[in-house]
Amino acid sequence: MTITRINSNSRLSGAVVFQNLVFLSGQVPGEGRDVRTQTEEVLARIDALLAEAGSDKDHLPNATIYLNNIQEGFAPMNEVWSAWLSPGQAPTRTTLQAQLARPDVLVEISVIAVRRT
């Protein structure tokens, strides 16, 4: 059984493909200053990694969303998230508050996907 690693460095891989499953590392934004913009940036990164791995947002069974401040960030993140999803394709999801790796990171999203067949 082969494990394929995408965008790897010495600490982590952006994505790992094992059989028909695609596991993405938590994706963080680049330069966005608010939760809405950061969520858009993160979802664009997810789209790119999933495409490289042979999947897409319509093949997500699971997502985990981390917010640095759930009271302030939940509504704007959720608006962007809901607009990004295709109708009828919502995955299971957990959203929680966490101290993220850098103070300027307001949202981080990790997903598991199934490869398109």
PDB file of N, CA and C in Angstrom:
ATOM      1  N   MET A   1       0.838  -1.183   0.000  1.00  0.00           N
ATOM      2  CA  MET A   1       0.000   0.000   0.000  1.00  0.00           C
ATOM      3  C   MET A   1       0.878   1.239   0.000  1.00  0.00           C
ATOM      4  N   THR A   2       0.568   2.140  -0.900  1.00  0.00           N
ATOM      5  CA  THR A   2       1.377   3.335  -1.071  1.00  0.00           C
ATOM      6  C   THR A   2       0.737   4.531  -0.377  1.00  0.00           C
ATOM      7  N   ILE A   3       1.565   5.316   0.264  1.00  0.00           N
ATOM      8  CA  ILE A   3       1.148   6.604   0.831  1.00  0.00           C
ATOM      9  C   ILE A   3       1.835   7.675   0.004  1.00  0.00           C
ATOM     10  N   THR A   4       1.044   8.600  -0.539  1.00  0.00           N
ATOM     11  CA  THR A   4       1.574   9.697  -1.329  1.00  0.00           C
ATOM     12  C   THR A   4       1.491  10.973  -0.505  1.00  0.00           C
ATOM     13  N   ARG A   5       2.602  11.693  -0.432  1.00  0.00           N
ATOM     14  CA  ARG A   5       2.662  12.938   0.339  1.00  0.00           C
ATOM     15  C   ARG A   5       2.784  14.116  -0.625  1.00  0.00           C
ATOM     16  N   ILE A   6       1.984  15.135  -0.385  1.00  0.00           N
ATOM     17  CA  ILE A   6       1.932  16.312  -1.250  1.00  0.00           C
ATOM     18  C   ILE A   6       2.381  17.531  -0.449  1.00  0.00           C
ATOM     19  N   ASN A   7       3.226  18.352  -1.073  1.00  0.00           N
ATOM     20  CA  ASN A   7       3.738  19.566  -0.421  1.00  0.00           C
ATOM     21  C   ASN A   7       4.351  19.251   0.941  1.00  0.00           C
ATOM     22  N   SER A   8       5.297  18.331   0.949  1.00  0.00           N
ATOM     23  CA  SER A   8       5.936  17.900   2.192  1.00  0.00           C
ATOM     24  C   SER A   8       7.172  18.726   2.512  1.00  0.00           C
ATOM     25  N   ASN A   9       7.451  18.828   3.790  1.00  0.00           N
ATOM     26  CA  ASN A   9       8.721  19.362   4.258  1.00  0.00           C
ATOM     27  C   ASN A   9       9.185  18.463   5.401  1.00  0.00           C
ATOM     28  N   SER A  10      10.139  18.888   6.163  1.00  0.00           N
ATOM     29  CA  SER A  10      10.689  18.027   7.214  1.00  0.00           C
ATOM     30  C   SER A  10       9.728  17.815   8.386  1.00  0.00           C
ATOM     31  N   ARG A  11       8.679  18.659   8.500  1.00  0.00           N
ATOM     32  CA  ARG A  11       7.758  18.560   9.636  1.00  0.00           C
ATOM     33  C   ARG A  11       6.395  18.000   9.296  1.00  0.00           C
ATOM     34  N   LEU A  12       5.920  18.263   8.063  1.00  0.00           N
ATOM     35  CA  LEU A  12       4.548  17.874   7.750  1.00  0.00           C
ATOM     36  C   LEU A  12       4.327  17.829   6.250  1.00  0.00           C
ATOM     37  N   SER A  13       3.194  17.285   5.871  1.00  0.00           N
ATOM     38  CA  SER A  13       2.758  17.287   4.483  1.00  0.00           C
ATOM     39  C   SER A  13       1.470  18.085   4.398  1.00  0.00           C
ATOM     40  N   GLY A  14       1.306  18.812   3.313  1.00  0.00           N
ATOM     41  CA  GLY A  14       0.057  19.551   3.115  1.00  0.00           C
ATOM     42  C   GLY A  14      -1.114  18.607   2.954  1.00  0.00           C
ATOM     43  N   ALA A  15      -0.856  17.487   2.289  1.00  0.00           N
ATOM     44  CA  ALA A  15      -1.872  16.451   2.101  1.00  0.00           C
ATOM     45  C   ALA A  15      -1.191  15.100   2.042  1.00  0.00           C
ATOM     46  N   VAL A  16      -1.918  14.078   2.464  1.00  0.00           N
ATOM     47  CA  VAL A  16      -1.463  12.700   2.365  1.00  0.00           C
ATOM     48  C   VAL A  16      -2.599  11.897   1.740  1.00  0.00           C
ATOM     49  N   VAL A  17      -2.247  11.136   0.712  1.00  0.00           N
ATOM     50  CA  VAL A  17      -3.227  10.275   0.043  1.00  0.00           C
ATOM     51  C   VAL A  17      -2.907   8.836   0.399  1.00  0.00           C
ATOM     52  N   PHE A  18      -3.919   8.137   0.915  1.00  0.00           N
ATOM     53  CA  PHE A  18      -3.793   6.714   1.208  1.00  0.00           C
ATOM     54  C   PHE A  18      -5.025   6.025   0.657  1.00  0.00           C
ATOM     55  N   GLN A  19      -4.816   5.151  -0.289  1.00  0.00           N
ATOM     56  CA  GLN A  19      -5.900   4.491  -1.013  1.00  0.00           C
ATOM     57  C   GLN A  19      -6.820   5.570  -1.581  1.00  0.00           C
ATOM     58  N   ASN A  20      -8.095   5.596  -1.213  1.00  0.00           N
ATOM     59  CA  ASN A  20      -9.013   6.604  -1.751  1.00  0.00           C
ATOM     60  C   ASN A  20      -9.255   7.760  -0.788  1.00  0.00           C
ATOM     61  N   LEU A  21      -8.467   7.841   0.277  1.00  0.00           N
ATOM     62  CA  LEU A  21      -8.651   8.911   1.253  1.00  0.00           C
ATOM     63  C   LEU A  21      -7.572   9.972   1.116  1.00  0.00           C
ATOM     64  N   VAL A  22      -7.975  11.217   1.320  1.00  0.00           N
ATOM     65  CA  VAL A  22      -7.062  12.354   1.287  1.00  0.00           C
ATOM     66  C   VAL A  22      -7.178  13.073   2.631  1.00  0.00           C
ATOM     67  N   PHE A  23      -6.051  13.189   3.313  1.00  0.00           N
ATOM     68  CA  PHE A  23      -6.005  13.863   4.607  1.00  0.00           C
ATOM     69  C   PHE A  23      -5.249  15.165   4.429  1.00  0.00           C
ATOM     70  N   LEU A  24      -5.868  16.297   4.734  1.00  0.00           N
ATOM     71  CA  LEU A  24      -5.190  17.587   4.647  1.00  0.00           C
ATOM     72  C   LEU A  24      -4.760  18.052   6.024  1.00  0.00           C
ATOM     73  N   SER A  25      -3.553  18.604   6.086  1.00  0.00           N
ATOM     74  CA  SER A  25      -3.116  19.286   7.295  1.00  0.00           C
ATOM     75  C   SER A  25      -4.001  20.502   7.506  1.00  0.00           C
ATOM     76  N   GLY A  26      -3.998  21.016   8.716  1.00  0.00           N
ATOM     77  CA  GLY A  26      -4.717  22.248   8.964  1.00  0.00           C
ATOM     78  C   GLY A  26      -4.169  23.346   8.065  1.00  0.00           C
ATOM     79  N   GLN A  27      -5.050  23.987   7.317  1.00  0.00           N
ATOM     80  CA  GLN A  27      -4.652  25.051   6.394  1.00  0.00           C
ATOM     81  C   GLN A  27      -4.899  26.399   7.058  1.00  0.00           C
ATOM     82  N   VAL A  28      -3.925  27.275   6.945  1.00  0.00           N
ATOM     83  CA  VAL A  28      -4.005  28.610   7.539  1.00  0.00           C
ATOM     84  C   VAL A  28      -3.914  29.658   6.436  1.00  0.00           C
ATOM     85  N   PRO A  29      -4.357  30.870   6.731  1.00  0.00           N
ATOM     86  CA  PRO A  29      -4.363  31.925   5.721  1.00  0.00           C
ATOM     87  C   PRO A  29      -2.992  32.537   5.498  1.00  0.00           C
ATOM     88  N   GLY A  30      -2.935  33.358   4.459  1.00  0.00           N
ATOM     89  CA  GLY A  30      -1.719  34.111   4.174  1.00  0.00           C
ATOM     90  C   GLY A  30      -1.742  35.454   4.880  1.00  0.00           C
ATOM     91  N   GLU A  31      -2.387  36.436   4.265  1.00  0.00           N
ATOM     92  CA  GLU A  31      -2.303  37.799   4.783  1.00  0.00           C
ATOM     93  C   GLU A  31      -3.635  38.421   5.176  1.00  0.00           C
ATOM     94  N   GLY A  32      -4.721  37.681   5.092  1.00  0.00           N
ATOM     95  CA  GLY A  32      -6.025  38.248   5.433  1.00  0.00           C
ATOM     96  C   GLY A  32      -6.057  38.788   6.847  1.00  0.00           C
ATOM     97  N   ARG A  33      -6.766  39.881   7.026  1.00  0.00           N
ATOM     98  CA  ARG A  33      -6.789  40.532   8.343  1.00  0.00           C
ATOM     99  C   ARG A  33      -8.035  40.226   9.153  1.00  0.00           C
ATOM    100  N   ASP A  34      -9.094  39.714   8.494  1.00  0.00           N
ATOM    101  CA  ASP A  34     -10.315  39.398   9.241  1.00  0.00           C
ATOM    102  C   ASP A  34     -10.714  37.953   8.984  1.00  0.00           C
ATOM    103  N   VAL A  35     -11.643  37.448   9.779  1.00  0.00           N
ATOM    104  CA  VAL A  35     -12.027  36.040   9.694  1.00  0.00           C
ATOM    105  C   VAL A  35     -12.602  35.708   8.323  1.00  0.00           C
ATOM    106  N   ARG A  36     -13.399  36.590   7.783  1.00  0.00           N
ATOM    107  CA  ARG A  36     -14.017  36.341   6.473  1.00  0.00           C
ATOM    108  C   ARG A  36     -12.939  36.159   5.401  1.00  0.00           C
ATOM    109  N   THR A  37     -12.015  37.079   5.311  1.00  0.00           N
ATOM    110  CA  THR A  37     -10.950  37.006   4.307  1.00  0.00           C
ATOM    111  C   THR A  37     -10.045  35.805   4.554  1.00  0.00           C
ATOM    112  N   GLN A  38      -9.718  35.555   5.801  1.00  0.00           N
ATOM    113  CA  GLN A  38      -8.869  34.407   6.113  1.00  0.00           C
ATOM    114  C   GLN A  38      -9.565  33.095   5.749  1.00  0.00           C
ATOM    115  N   THR A  39     -10.863  32.997   5.993  1.00  0.00           N
ATOM    116  CA  THR A  39     -11.594  31.785   5.632  1.00  0.00           C
ATOM    117  C   THR A  39     -11.577  31.585   4.116  1.00  0.00           C
ATOM    118  N   GLU A  40     -11.762  32.656   3.359  1.00  0.00           N
ATOM    119  CA  GLU A  40     -11.697  32.559   1.896  1.00  0.00           C
ATOM    120  C   GLU A  40     -10.328  32.061   1.444  1.00  0.00           C
ATOM    121  N   GLU A  41      -9.263  32.590   2.054  1.00  0.00           N
ATOM    122  CA  GLU A  41      -7.904  32.167   1.697  1.00  0.00           C
ATOM    123  C   GLU A  41      -7.686  30.690   2.028  1.00  0.00           C
ATOM    124  N   VAL A  42      -8.133  30.268   3.193  1.00  0.00           N
ATOM    125  CA  VAL A  42      -7.952  28.880   3.614  1.00  0.00           C
ATOM    126  C   VAL A  42      -8.716  27.941   2.678  1.00  0.00           C
ATOM    127  N   LEU A  43      -9.940  28.296   2.332  1.00  0.00           N
ATOM    128  CA  LEU A  43     -10.731  27.433   1.450  1.00  0.00           C
ATOM    129  C   LEU A  43     -10.114  27.358   0.055  1.00  0.00           C
ATOM    130  N   ALA A  44      -9.507  28.429  -0.414  1.00  0.00           N
ATOM    131  CA  ALA A  44      -8.803  28.390  -1.701  1.00  0.00           C
ATOM    132  C   ALA A  44      -7.615  27.438  -1.623  1.00  0.00           C
ATOM    133  N   ARG A  45      -6.899  27.443  -0.517  1.00  0.00           N
ATOM    134  CA  ARG A  45      -5.776  26.506  -0.331  1.00  0.00           C
ATOM    135  C   ARG A  45      -6.280  25.066  -0.293  1.00  0.00           C
ATOM    136  N   ILE A  46      -7.404  24.859   0.373  1.00  0.00           N
ATOM    137  CA  ILE A  46      -7.988  23.525   0.428  1.00  0.00           C
ATOM    138  C   ILE A  46      -8.389  23.066  -0.966  1.00  0.00           C
ATOM    139  N   ASP A  47      -9.038  23.939  -1.731  1.00  0.00           N
ATOM    140  CA  ASP A  47      -9.413  23.603  -3.106  1.00  0.00           C
ATOM    141  C   ASP A  47      -8.193  23.160  -3.912  1.00  0.00           C
ATOM    142  N   ALA A  48      -7.095  23.902  -3.802  1.00  0.00           N
ATOM    143  CA  ALA A  48      -5.884  23.599  -4.576  1.00  0.00           C
ATOM    144  C   ALA A  48      -5.282  22.259  -4.167  1.00  0.00           C
ATOM    145  N   LEU A  49      -5.174  22.000  -2.872  1.00  0.00           N
ATOM    146  CA  LEU A  49      -4.610  20.729  -2.404  1.00  0.00           C
ATOM    147  C   LEU A  49      -5.502  19.553  -2.785  1.00  0.00           C
ATOM    148  N   LEU A  50      -6.799  19.719  -2.644  1.00  0.00           N
ATOM    149  CA  LEU A  50      -7.706  18.640  -3.017  1.00  0.00           C
ATOM    150  C   LEU A  50      -7.602  18.331  -4.510  1.00  0.00           C
ATOM    151  N   ALA A  51      -7.518  19.361  -5.339  1.00  0.00           N
ATOM    152  CA  ALA A  51      -7.380  19.143  -6.784  1.00  0.00           C
ATOM    153  C   ALA A  51      -6.099  18.371  -7.083  1.00  0.00           C
ATOM    154  N   GLU A  52      -5.015  18.748  -6.445  1.00  0.00           N
ATOM    155  CA  GLU A  52      -3.742  18.065  -6.661  1.00  0.00           C
ATOM    156  C   GLU A  52      -3.818  16.598  -6.228  1.00  0.00           C
ATOM    157  N   ALA A  53      -4.635  16.320  -5.222  1.00  0.00           N
ATOM    158  CA  ALA A  53      -4.769  14.961  -4.698  1.00  0.00           C
ATOM    159  C   ALA A  53      -5.855  14.153  -5.406  1.00  0.00           C
ATOM    160  N   GLY A  54      -6.560  14.766  -6.364  1.00  0.00           N
ATOM    161  CA  GLY A  54      -7.594  14.044  -7.098  1.00  0.00           C
ATOM    162  C   GLY A  54      -8.951  14.050  -6.423  1.00  0.00           C
ATOM    163  N   SER A  55      -9.246  15.123  -5.705  1.00  0.00           N
ATOM    164  CA  SER A  55     -10.531  15.231  -5.027  1.00  0.00           C
ATOM    165  C   SER A  55     -11.043  16.661  -5.158  1.00  0.00           C
ATOM    166  N   ASP A  56     -12.122  16.948  -4.455  1.00  0.00           N
ATOM    167  CA  ASP A  56     -12.677  18.300  -4.437  1.00  0.00           C
ATOM    168  C   ASP A  56     -13.603  18.447  -3.235  1.00  0.00           C
ATOM    169  N   LYS A  57     -14.138  19.633  -3.056  1.00  0.00           N
ATOM    170  CA  LYS A  57     -14.958  19.929  -1.879  1.00  0.00           C
ATOM    171  C   LYS A  57     -16.249  19.118  -1.816  1.00  0.00           C
ATOM    172  N   ASP A  58     -16.688  18.562  -2.940  1.00  0.00           N
ATOM    173  CA  ASP A  58     -17.900  17.750  -2.946  1.00  0.00           C
ATOM    174  C   ASP A  58     -17.656  16.331  -2.441  1.00  0.00           C
ATOM    175  N   HIS A  59     -16.410  16.019  -2.101  1.00  0.00           N
ATOM    176  CA  HIS A  59     -16.057  14.683  -1.636  1.00  0.00           C
ATOM    177  C   HIS A  59     -15.482  14.712  -0.215  1.00  0.00           C
ATOM    178  N   LEU A  60     -16.011  15.615   0.615  1.00  0.00           N
ATOM    179  CA  LEU A  60     -15.550  15.738   2.004  1.00  0.00           C
ATOM    180  C   LEU A  60     -16.499  15.012   2.949  1.00  0.00           C
ATOM    181  N   PRO A  61     -16.042  13.964   3.618  1.00  0.00           N
ATOM    182  CA  PRO A  61     -16.883  13.400   4.666  1.00  0.00           C
ATOM    183  C   PRO A  61     -16.720  14.129   6.003  1.00  0.00           C
ATOM    184  N   ASN A  62     -15.569  14.864   6.179  1.00  0.00           N
ATOM    185  CA  ASN A  62     -15.306  15.444   7.490  1.00  0.00           C
ATOM    186  C   ASN A  62     -14.457  16.702   7.395  1.00  0.00           C
ATOM    187  N   ALA A  63     -14.763  17.657   8.266  1.00  0.00           N
ATOM    188  CA  ALA A  63     -13.976  18.888   8.379  1.00  0.00           C
ATOM    189  C   ALA A  63     -13.883  19.282   9.854  1.00  0.00           C
ATOM    190  N   THR A  64     -12.737  19.864  10.204  1.00  0.00           N
ATOM    191  CA  THR A  64     -12.552  20.427  11.538  1.00  0.00           C
ATOM    192  C   THR A  64     -12.098  21.864  11.366  1.00  0.00           C
ATOM    193  N   ILE A  65     -12.798  22.769  12.037  1.00  0.00           N
ATOM    194  CA  ILE A  65     -12.514  24.201  11.921  1.00  0.00           C
ATOM    195  C   ILE A  65     -12.112  24.723  13.296  1.00  0.00           C
ATOM    196  N   TYR A  66     -10.975  25.401  13.314  1.00  0.00           N
ATOM    197  CA  TYR A  66     -10.455  26.000  14.543  1.00  0.00           C
ATOM    198  C   TYR A  66     -10.535  27.514  14.412  1.00  0.00           C
ATOM    199  N   LEU A  67     -11.115  28.154  15.408  1.00  0.00           N
ATOM    200  CA  LEU A  67     -11.198  29.614  15.444  1.00  0.00           C
ATOM    201  C   LEU A  67     -10.485  30.115  16.684  1.00  0.00           C
ATOM    202  N   ASN A  68      -9.763  31.226  16.553  1.00  0.00           N
ATOM    203  CA  ASN A  68      -9.086  31.743  17.742  1.00  0.00           C
ATOM    204  C   ASN A  68     -10.067  32.425  18.689  1.00  0.00           C
ATOM    205  N   ASN A  69     -11.224  32.868  18.162  1.00  0.00           N
ATOM    206  CA  ASN A  69     -12.261  33.471  18.997  1.00  0.00           C
ATOM    207  C   ASN A  69     -13.607  33.068  18.405  1.00  0.00           C
ATOM    208  N   ILE A  70     -14.220  32.057  18.979  1.00  0.00           N
ATOM    209  CA  ILE A  70     -15.439  31.505  18.397  1.00  0.00           C
ATOM    210  C   ILE A  70     -16.614  32.476  18.476  1.00  0.00           C
ATOM    211  N   GLN A  71     -16.658  33.309  19.500  1.00  0.00           N
ATOM    212  CA  GLN A  71     -17.756  34.272  19.606  1.00  0.00           C
ATOM    213  C   GLN A  71     -17.720  35.291  18.477  1.00  0.00           C
ATOM    214  N   GLU A  72     -16.544  35.808  18.155  1.00  0.00           N
ATOM    215  CA  GLU A  72     -16.430  36.810  17.095  1.00  0.00           C
ATOM    216  C   GLU A  72     -16.304  36.189  15.711  1.00  0.00           C
ATOM    217  N   GLY A  73     -15.730  35.005  15.619  1.00  0.00           N
ATOM    218  CA  GLY A  73     -15.408  34.450  14.320  1.00  0.00           C
ATOM    219  C   GLY A  73     -16.403  33.492  13.719  1.00  0.00           C
ATOM    220  N   PHE A  74     -17.299  32.934  14.538  1.00  0.00           N
ATOM    221  CA  PHE A  74     -18.166  31.874  14.032  1.00  0.00           C
ATOM    222  C   PHE A  74     -19.084  32.345  12.905  1.00  0.00           C
ATOM    223  N   ALA A  75     -19.792  33.432  13.093  1.00  0.00           N
ATOM    224  CA  ALA A  75     -20.763  33.883  12.081  1.00  0.00           C
ATOM    225  C   ALA A  75     -20.092  34.237  10.745  1.00  0.00           C
ATOM    226  N   PRO A  76     -19.024  35.075  10.729  1.00  0.00           N
ATOM    227  CA  PRO A  76     -18.420  35.376   9.424  1.00  0.00           C
ATOM    228  C   PRO A  76     -17.765  34.161   8.768  1.00  0.00           C
ATOM    229  N   MET A  77     -17.149  33.290   9.558  1.00  0.00           N
ATOM    230  CA  MET A  77     -16.566  32.074   8.982  1.00  0.00           C
ATOM    231  C   MET A  77     -17.669  31.215   8.382  1.00  0.00           C
ATOM    232  N   ASN A  78     -18.759  31.063   9.106  1.00  0.00           N
ATOM    233  CA  ASN A  78     -19.848  30.207   8.665  1.00  0.00           C
ATOM    234  C   ASN A  78     -20.486  30.722   7.379  1.00  0.00           C
ATOM    235  N   GLU A  79     -20.580  32.030   7.213  1.00  0.00           N
ATOM    236  CA  GLU A  79     -21.131  32.597   5.971  1.00  0.00           C
ATOM    237  C   GLU A  79     -20.270  32.205   4.771  1.00  0.00           C
ATOM    238  N   VAL A  80     -18.956  32.345   4.922  1.00  0.00           N
ATOM    239  CA  VAL A  80     -18.041  31.990   3.833  1.00  0.00           C
ATOM    240  C   VAL A  80     -18.080  30.490   3.590  1.00  0.00           C
ATOM    241  N   TRP A  81     -18.038  29.702   4.653  1.00  0.00           N
ATOM    242  CA  TRP A  81     -18.079  28.250   4.557  1.00  0.00           C
ATOM    243  C   TRP A  81     -19.340  27.789   3.814  1.00  0.00           C
ATOM    244  N   SER A  82     -20.494  28.316   4.223  1.00  0.00           N
ATOM    245  CA  SER A  82     -21.765  27.912   3.614  1.00  0.00           C
ATOM    246  C   SER A  82     -21.824  28.272   2.135  1.00  0.00           C
ATOM    247  N   ALA A  83     -21.289  29.426   1.775  1.00  0.00           N
ATOM    248  CA  ALA A  83     -21.271  29.838   0.364  1.00  0.00           C
ATOM    249  C   ALA A  83     -20.324  28.956  -0.453  1.00  0.00           C
ATOM    250  N   TRP A  84     -19.266  28.455   0.169  1.00  0.00           N
ATOM    251  CA  TRP A  84     -18.275  27.620  -0.516  1.00  0.00           C
ATOM    252  C   TRP A  84     -18.811  26.225  -0.815  1.00  0.00           C
ATOM    253  N   LEU A  85     -19.605  25.680   0.100  1.00  0.00           N
ATOM    254  CA  LEU A  85     -20.123  24.329  -0.081  1.00  0.00           C
ATOM    255  C   LEU A  85     -21.123  24.262  -1.231  1.00  0.00           C
ATOM    256  N   SER A  86     -21.090  23.145  -1.948  1.00  0.00           N
ATOM    257  CA  SER A  86     -22.113  22.887  -2.968  1.00  0.00           C
ATOM    258  C   SER A  86     -23.381  22.434  -2.259  1.00  0.00           C
ATOM    259  N   PRO A  87     -24.558  22.791  -2.782  1.00  0.00           N
ATOM    260  CA  PRO A  87     -25.807  22.369  -2.152  1.00  0.00           C
ATOM    261  C   PRO A  87     -25.862  20.847  -1.978  1.00  0.00           C
ATOM    262  N   GLY A  88     -26.261  20.424  -0.787  1.00  0.00           N
ATOM    263  CA  GLY A  88     -26.407  19.010  -0.494  1.00  0.00           C
ATOM    264  C   GLY A  88     -25.107  18.269  -0.236  1.00  0.00           C
ATOM    265  N   GLN A  89     -23.977  18.970  -0.144  1.00  0.00           N
ATOM    266  CA  GLN A  89     -22.680  18.310   0.008  1.00  0.00           C
ATOM    267  C   GLN A  89     -21.978  18.648   1.324  1.00  0.00           C
ATOM    268  N   ALA A  90     -22.724  19.038   2.332  1.00  0.00           N
ATOM    269  CA  ALA A  90     -22.110  19.401   3.613  1.00  0.00           C
ATOM    270  C   ALA A  90     -21.511  18.175   4.306  1.00  0.00           C
ATOM    271  N   PRO A  91     -20.247  18.275   4.753  1.00  0.00           N
ATOM    272  CA  PRO A  91     -19.623  17.171   5.479  1.00  0.00           C
ATOM    273  C   PRO A  91     -20.024  17.200   6.956  1.00  0.00           C
ATOM    274  N   THR A  92     -19.637  16.169   7.688  1.00  0.00           N
ATOM    275  CA  THR A  92     -19.710  16.300   9.140  1.00  0.00           C
ATOM    276  C   THR A  92     -18.688  17.364   9.510  1.00  0.00           C
ATOM    277  N   ARG A  93     -18.919  18.061  10.613  1.00  0.00           N
ATOM    278  CA  ARG A  93     -18.022  19.167  10.936  1.00  0.00           C
ATOM    279  C   ARG A  93     -17.961  19.387  12.431  1.00  0.00           C
ATOM    280  N   THR A  94     -16.758  19.716  12.875  1.00  0.00           N
ATOM    281  CA  THR A  94     -16.545  20.145  14.250  1.00  0.00           C
ATOM    282  C   THR A  94     -15.925  21.531  14.185  1.00  0.00           C
ATOM    283  N   THR A  95     -16.451  22.457  14.967  1.00  0.00           N
ATOM    284  CA  THR A  95     -15.886  23.803  15.048  1.00  0.00           C
ATOM    285  C   THR A  95     -15.580  24.080  16.507  1.00  0.00           C
ATOM    286  N   LEU A  96     -14.342  24.517  16.750  1.00  0.00           N
ATOM    287  CA  LEU A  96     -13.964  24.775  18.138  1.00  0.00           C
ATOM    288  C   LEU A  96     -13.007  25.944  18.235  1.00  0.00           C
ATOM    289  N   GLN A  97     -12.898  26.446  19.430  1.00  0.00           N
ATOM    290  CA  GLN A  97     -11.967  27.543  19.704  1.00  0.00           C
ATOM    291  C   GLN A  97     -10.638  26.956  20.136  1.00  0.00           C
ATOM    292  N   ALA A  98      -9.553  27.545  19.614  1.00  0.00           N
ATOM    293  CA  ALA A  98      -8.217  27.052  19.956  1.00  0.00           C
ATOM    294  C   ALA A  98      -7.209  28.182  19.858  1.00  0.00           C
ATOM    295  N   GLN A  99      -6.147  28.058  20.613  1.00  0.00           N
ATOM    296  CA  GLN A  99      -5.019  28.965  20.455  1.00  0.00           C
ATOM    297  C   GLN A  99      -4.252  28.471  19.235  1.00  0.00           C
ATOM    298  N   LEU A 100      -4.173  29.293  18.201  1.00  0.00           N
ATOM    299  CA  LEU A 100      -3.558  28.876  16.946  1.00  0.00           C
ATOM    300  C   LEU A 100      -2.076  29.225  16.926  1.00  0.00           C
ATOM    301  N   ALA A 101      -1.372  28.743  15.922  1.00  0.00           N
ATOM    302  CA  ALA A 101       0.093  28.799  15.889  1.00  0.00           C
ATOM    303  C   ALA A 101       0.664  30.215  15.902  1.00  0.00           C
ATOM    304  N   ARG A 102      -0.036  31.154  15.286  1.00  0.00           N
ATOM    305  CA  ARG A 102       0.429  32.548  15.270  1.00  0.00           C
ATOM    306  C   ARG A 102      -0.720  33.447  15.714  1.00  0.00           C
ATOM    307  N   PRO A 103      -0.431  34.558  16.358  1.00  0.00           N
ATOM    308  CA  PRO A 103      -1.506  35.437  16.841  1.00  0.00           C
ATOM    309  C   PRO A 103      -2.357  36.037  15.722  1.00  0.00           C
ATOM    310  N   ASP A 104      -1.792  36.173  14.506  1.00  0.00           N
ATOM    311  CA  ASP A 104      -2.553  36.760  13.403  1.00  0.00           C
ATOM    312  C   ASP A 104      -3.437  35.748  12.680  1.00  0.00           C
ATOM    313  N   VAL A 105      -3.319  34.458  13.006  1.00  0.00           N
ATOM    314  CA  VAL A 105      -4.164  33.430  12.404  1.00  0.00           C
ATOM    315  C   VAL A 105      -5.475  33.360  13.185  1.00  0.00           C
ATOM    316  N   LEU A 106      -6.573  33.612  12.487  1.00  0.00           N
ATOM    317  CA  LEU A 106      -7.883  33.623  13.119  1.00  0.00           C
ATOM    318  C   LEU A 106      -8.672  32.345  12.853  1.00  0.00           C
ATOM    319  N   VAL A 107      -8.308  31.620  11.775  1.00  0.00           N
ATOM    320  CA  VAL A 107      -9.019  30.401  11.406  1.00  0.00           C
ATOM    321  C   VAL A 107      -8.043  29.400  10.789  1.00  0.00           C
ATOM    322  N   GLU A 108      -8.253  28.134  11.111  1.00  0.00           N
ATOM    323  CA  GLU A 108      -7.501  27.027  10.522  1.00  0.00           C
ATOM    324  C   GLU A 108      -8.507  25.918  10.237  1.00  0.00           C
ATOM    325  N   ILE A 109      -8.390  25.310   9.058  1.00  0.00           N
ATOM    326  CA  ILE A 109      -9.343  24.264   8.674  1.00  0.00           C
ATOM    327  C   ILE A 109      -8.581  23.035   8.197  1.00  0.00           C
ATOM    328  N   SER A 110      -9.016  21.885   8.690  1.00  0.00           N
ATOM    329  CA  SER A 110      -8.476  20.603   8.272  1.00  0.00           C
ATOM    330  C   SER A 110      -9.621  19.757   7.740  1.00  0.00           C
ATOM    331  N   VAL A 111      -9.389  19.023   6.641  1.00  0.00           N
ATOM    332  CA  VAL A 111     -10.429  18.193   6.068  1.00  0.00           C
ATOM    333  C   VAL A 111      -9.898  16.805   5.723  1.00  0.00           C
ATOM    334  N   ILE A 112     -10.828  15.883   5.631  1.00  0.00           N
ATOM    335  CA  ILE A 112     -10.579  14.558   5.075  1.00  0.00           C
ATOM    336  C   ILE A 112     -11.494  14.453   3.858  1.00  0.00           C
ATOM    337  N   ALA A 113     -10.930  13.963   2.762  1.00  0.00           N
ATOM    338  CA  ALA A 113     -11.705  13.843   1.527  1.00  0.00           C
ATOM    339  C   ALA A 113     -11.569  12.428   0.964  1.00  0.00           C
ATOM    340  N   VAL A 114     -12.452  12.114   0.040  1.00  0.00           N
ATOM    341  CA  VAL A 114     -12.404  10.876  -0.711  1.00  0.00           C
ATOM    342  C   VAL A 114     -12.015  11.257  -2.135  1.00  0.00           C
ATOM    343  N   ARG A 115     -11.092  10.506  -2.729  1.00  0.00           N
ATOM    344  CA  ARG A 115     -10.680  10.788  -4.109  1.00  0.00           C
ATOM    345  C   ARG A 115     -11.835  10.501  -5.056  1.00  0.00           C
ATOM    346  N   ARG A 116     -11.915  11.289  -6.116  1.00  0.00           N
ATOM    347  CA  ARG A 116     -12.919  11.047  -7.163  1.00  0.00           C
ATOM    348  C   ARG A 116     -12.575   9.753  -7.868  1.00  0.00           C
ATOM    349  N   THR A 117     -13.583   8.988  -8.211  1.00  0.00           N
ATOM    350  CA  THR A 117     -13.331   7.737  -8.930  1.00  0.00           C
ATOM    351  C   THR A 117     -13.764   7.833 -10.368  1.00  0.00           C
TER     352      THR A 117
END
